[in-house]
Amino acid sequence: MKYILFSVVISVMLFACSAKETTVYQYLNKLTSNDTNLLINDSLYASLKISSNRNLVFFLNASCSLCISDFVSFAKNINDYRFDSLIVIASEVYDFIQTDYYLQRENITLPKNSRIIIDPKNKLFVEMANIYGDKNIFLIEDKRILYKNNTGYFKYDKTYGYVLEQTHLKK
């Protein structure tokens, strides 16, 4: 009996370790809007001037070097994501110069359908944090939040790029 239990445990561990990672873009790209998705806060929606199309919204603390680095790494594979518009809300700065410098240094250009919103007084950040907590990336379509998370929960894998841990696959 011990041996059977031991082999079952080992088999489960081997299967779990060999399972292919779920990439962030694969997971986000298959999400669709439906009535079970949470509606975005009306005030935040109006402030961001979001269209009803598929929008990828990224809240970036542009005065934080680690945050800029995470954003640049994320932007390297931005074309793998399915969205109609990218909206970047940059907090605590009066420009996007430092972030733009690092994007150019890595030879990364944001898609033509990108919009940068400067939020130097953190009004949008505070509103977002009060409503949704520590989330900094949102996928929004038809006024519904398909996905929200904090990019700090993303894990970088050399083979797959940004992947989600199984515990963070919830919407």
Protein backbone atom coordinates (compact mmCIF):
# COMPACT_ATOMS: atom_id res chain seq x y z
CA MET A 1 0.00 0.00 0.00
CA LYS A 2 2.85 2.37 0.85
CA TYR A 3 4.44 1.75 -2.52
CA ILE A 4 1.24 2.49 -4.42
CA LEU A 5 0.70 5.73 -2.54
CA PHE A 6 4.35 6.68 -3.04
CA SER A 7 4.14 6.05 -6.82
CA VAL A 8 0.95 8.07 -7.10
CA VAL A 9 2.56 11.03 -5.29
CA ILE A 10 5.69 10.82 -7.49
CA SER A 11 3.56 10.61 -10.66
CA VAL A 12 1.53 13.66 -9.68
CA MET A 13 4.71 15.62 -8.89
CA LEU A 14 6.31 14.68 -12.22
CA PHE A 15 3.16 15.62 -14.13
CA ALA A 16 2.90 18.96 -12.34
CA CYS A 17 6.55 19.79 -13.02
CA SER A 18 6.38 18.85 -16.69
CA ALA A 19 3.16 20.73 -17.48
CA LYS A 20 3.63 23.50 -20.02
CA GLU A 21 3.41 26.97 -18.52
CA THR A 22 0.41 29.19 -19.37
CA THR A 23 1.71 32.34 -21.00
CA VAL A 24 0.08 35.64 -20.12
CA TYR A 25 -0.73 36.46 -23.73
CA GLN A 26 -2.22 33.01 -24.46
CA TYR A 27 -4.46 33.30 -21.43
CA LEU A 28 -5.56 36.89 -22.11
CA ASN A 29 -6.10 36.31 -25.83
CA LYS A 30 -8.70 33.60 -25.27
CA LEU A 31 -10.82 35.64 -22.83
CA THR A 32 -14.10 37.02 -24.16
CA SER A 33 -16.59 39.51 -22.76
CA ASN A 34 -19.78 38.17 -21.24
CA ASP A 35 -22.37 39.11 -18.63
CA THR A 36 -20.42 37.45 -15.82
CA ASN A 37 -17.50 39.87 -16.23
CA LEU A 38 -17.34 42.73 -13.76
CA LEU A 39 -18.37 46.12 -15.14
CA ILE A 40 -15.65 48.74 -14.87
CA ASN A 41 -16.30 51.65 -12.52
CA ASP A 42 -18.14 54.40 -14.47
CA SER A 43 -15.94 57.22 -13.14
CA LEU A 44 -12.72 55.42 -14.03
CA TYR A 45 -14.13 54.44 -17.42
CA ALA A 46 -15.02 58.07 -18.20
CA SER A 47 -11.65 59.36 -16.97
CA LEU A 48 -9.75 56.95 -19.19
CA LYS A 49 -12.04 57.53 -22.21
CA ILE A 50 -12.02 53.85 -23.03
CA SER A 51 -13.68 52.69 -26.23
CA SER A 52 -15.96 49.66 -26.27
CA ASN A 53 -13.26 47.75 -28.17
CA ARG A 54 -10.70 45.47 -26.52
CA ASN A 55 -8.37 47.67 -24.44
CA LEU A 56 -5.21 46.70 -22.62
CA VAL A 57 -4.77 49.21 -19.77
CA PHE A 58 -1.44 49.38 -17.96
CA PHE A 59 -0.95 51.51 -14.83
CA LEU A 60 2.76 52.39 -14.73
CA ASN A 61 4.58 54.10 -11.88
CA ALA A 62 6.95 55.96 -14.20
CA SER A 63 9.10 57.24 -11.34
CA CYS A 64 10.01 53.69 -10.28
CA SER A 65 12.95 52.15 -12.17
CA LEU A 66 11.84 48.58 -11.39
CA CYS A 67 8.32 49.38 -12.66
CA ILE A 68 9.74 50.85 -15.87
CA SER A 69 11.91 47.76 -16.33
CA ASP A 70 8.87 45.49 -15.89
CA PHE A 71 6.91 47.57 -18.39
CA VAL A 72 9.74 47.45 -20.96
CA SER A 73 10.00 43.66 -20.56
CA PHE A 74 6.23 43.38 -20.94
CA ALA A 75 6.28 45.64 -24.02
CA LYS A 76 8.87 43.41 -25.74
CA ASN A 77 6.11 40.94 -26.56
CA ILE A 78 3.20 43.38 -26.77
CA ASN A 79 2.40 42.31 -30.33
CA ASP A 80 1.55 38.82 -29.04
CA TYR A 81 -1.45 40.23 -27.19
CA ARG A 82 -4.84 40.62 -28.84
CA PHE A 83 -6.17 44.13 -28.21
CA ASP A 84 -7.47 47.12 -30.16
CA SER A 85 -5.93 49.83 -27.99
CA LEU A 86 -3.14 50.08 -25.44
CA ILE A 87 -3.58 52.70 -22.75
CA VAL A 88 -0.64 53.42 -20.45
CA ILE A 89 -1.33 55.57 -17.40
CA ALA A 90 1.97 57.01 -16.18
CA SER A 91 1.94 58.23 -12.58
CA GLU A 92 4.12 60.59 -10.60
CA VAL A 93 5.74 62.20 -13.64
CA TYR A 94 5.10 65.13 -15.91
CA ASP A 95 6.38 63.35 -18.99
CA PHE A 96 7.15 59.91 -20.40
CA ILE A 97 10.79 60.69 -21.27
CA GLN A 98 12.54 58.18 -19.01
CA THR A 99 10.24 55.32 -19.95
CA ASP A 100 10.52 56.24 -23.63
CA TYR A 101 14.32 56.28 -23.32
CA TYR A 102 14.36 52.66 -22.08
CA LEU A 103 11.87 51.55 -24.73
CA GLN A 104 14.09 53.08 -27.45
CA ARG A 105 17.24 51.60 -25.91
CA GLU A 106 15.64 48.15 -26.24
CA ASN A 107 14.43 49.05 -29.76
CA ILE A 108 10.77 48.71 -28.70
CA THR A 109 8.03 50.83 -30.19
CA LEU A 110 4.56 50.84 -28.76
CA PRO A 111 1.79 49.96 -31.21
CA LYS A 112 0.20 52.79 -33.21
CA ASN A 113 -3.01 52.28 -31.28
CA SER A 114 -1.31 53.26 -27.99
CA ARG A 115 -2.21 56.20 -25.81
CA ILE A 116 -0.17 57.57 -22.91
CA ILE A 117 -2.06 59.34 -20.12
CA ILE A 118 0.13 61.36 -17.75
CA ASP A 119 -1.22 61.27 -14.17
CA PRO A 120 1.26 63.44 -12.19
CA LYS A 121 -1.06 63.93 -9.21
CA ASN A 122 -2.00 60.23 -9.14
CA LYS A 123 -5.73 60.89 -9.35
CA LEU A 124 -6.31 57.91 -11.64
CA PHE A 125 -3.93 55.71 -9.64
CA VAL A 126 -5.66 56.51 -6.35
CA GLU A 127 -9.11 55.91 -7.86
CA MET A 128 -7.97 52.64 -9.39
CA ALA A 129 -6.31 51.48 -6.16
CA ASN A 130 -9.37 52.37 -4.06
CA ILE A 131 -11.62 50.33 -6.34
CA TYR A 132 -9.43 47.42 -7.50
CA GLY A 133 -6.55 47.22 -5.03
CA ASP A 134 -3.00 46.62 -6.23
CA LYS A 135 -3.93 45.68 -9.82
CA ASN A 136 -1.95 47.44 -12.54
CA ILE A 137 -2.96 45.63 -15.72
CA PHE A 138 -6.50 45.34 -17.04
CA LEU A 139 -8.07 43.85 -20.14
CA ILE A 140 -11.33 45.70 -20.76
CA GLU A 141 -13.92 45.17 -23.48
CA ASP A 142 -17.49 46.50 -23.74
CA LYS A 143 -17.16 48.21 -20.32
CA ARG A 144 -16.37 44.83 -18.76
CA ILE A 145 -13.15 43.78 -17.08
CA LEU A 146 -12.06 40.51 -18.65
CA TYR A 147 -8.90 40.32 -16.57
CA LYS A 148 -7.12 42.31 -13.88
CA ASN A 149 -3.91 41.51 -12.07
CA ASN A 150 -0.65 42.89 -10.80
CA THR A 151 2.30 42.28 -13.10
CA GLY A 152 4.31 41.50 -9.97
CA TYR A 153 2.52 38.12 -10.06
CA PHE A 154 3.81 37.40 -13.56
CA LYS A 155 6.82 35.18 -13.70
CA TYR A 156 9.38 35.38 -16.50
CA ASP A 157 10.35 32.09 -18.08
CA LYS A 158 13.22 32.02 -20.60
CA THR A 159 11.34 29.56 -22.82
CA TYR A 160 7.81 30.96 -22.68
CA GLY A 161 8.16 34.64 -21.73
CA TYR A 162 5.76 35.96 -19.08
CA VAL A 163 3.74 33.15 -17.55
CA LEU A 164 1.02 33.02 -14.94
CA GLU A 165 1.23 30.87 -11.88
CA GLN A 166 -1.79 28.59 -11.60
CA THR A 167 -3.01 30.45 -8.52
CA HIS A 168 -3.30 33.66 -10.55
CA LEU A 169 -5.39 32.32 -13.43
CA LYS A 170 -8.57 33.72 -11.89
CA LYS A 171 -10.23 36.73 -13.48
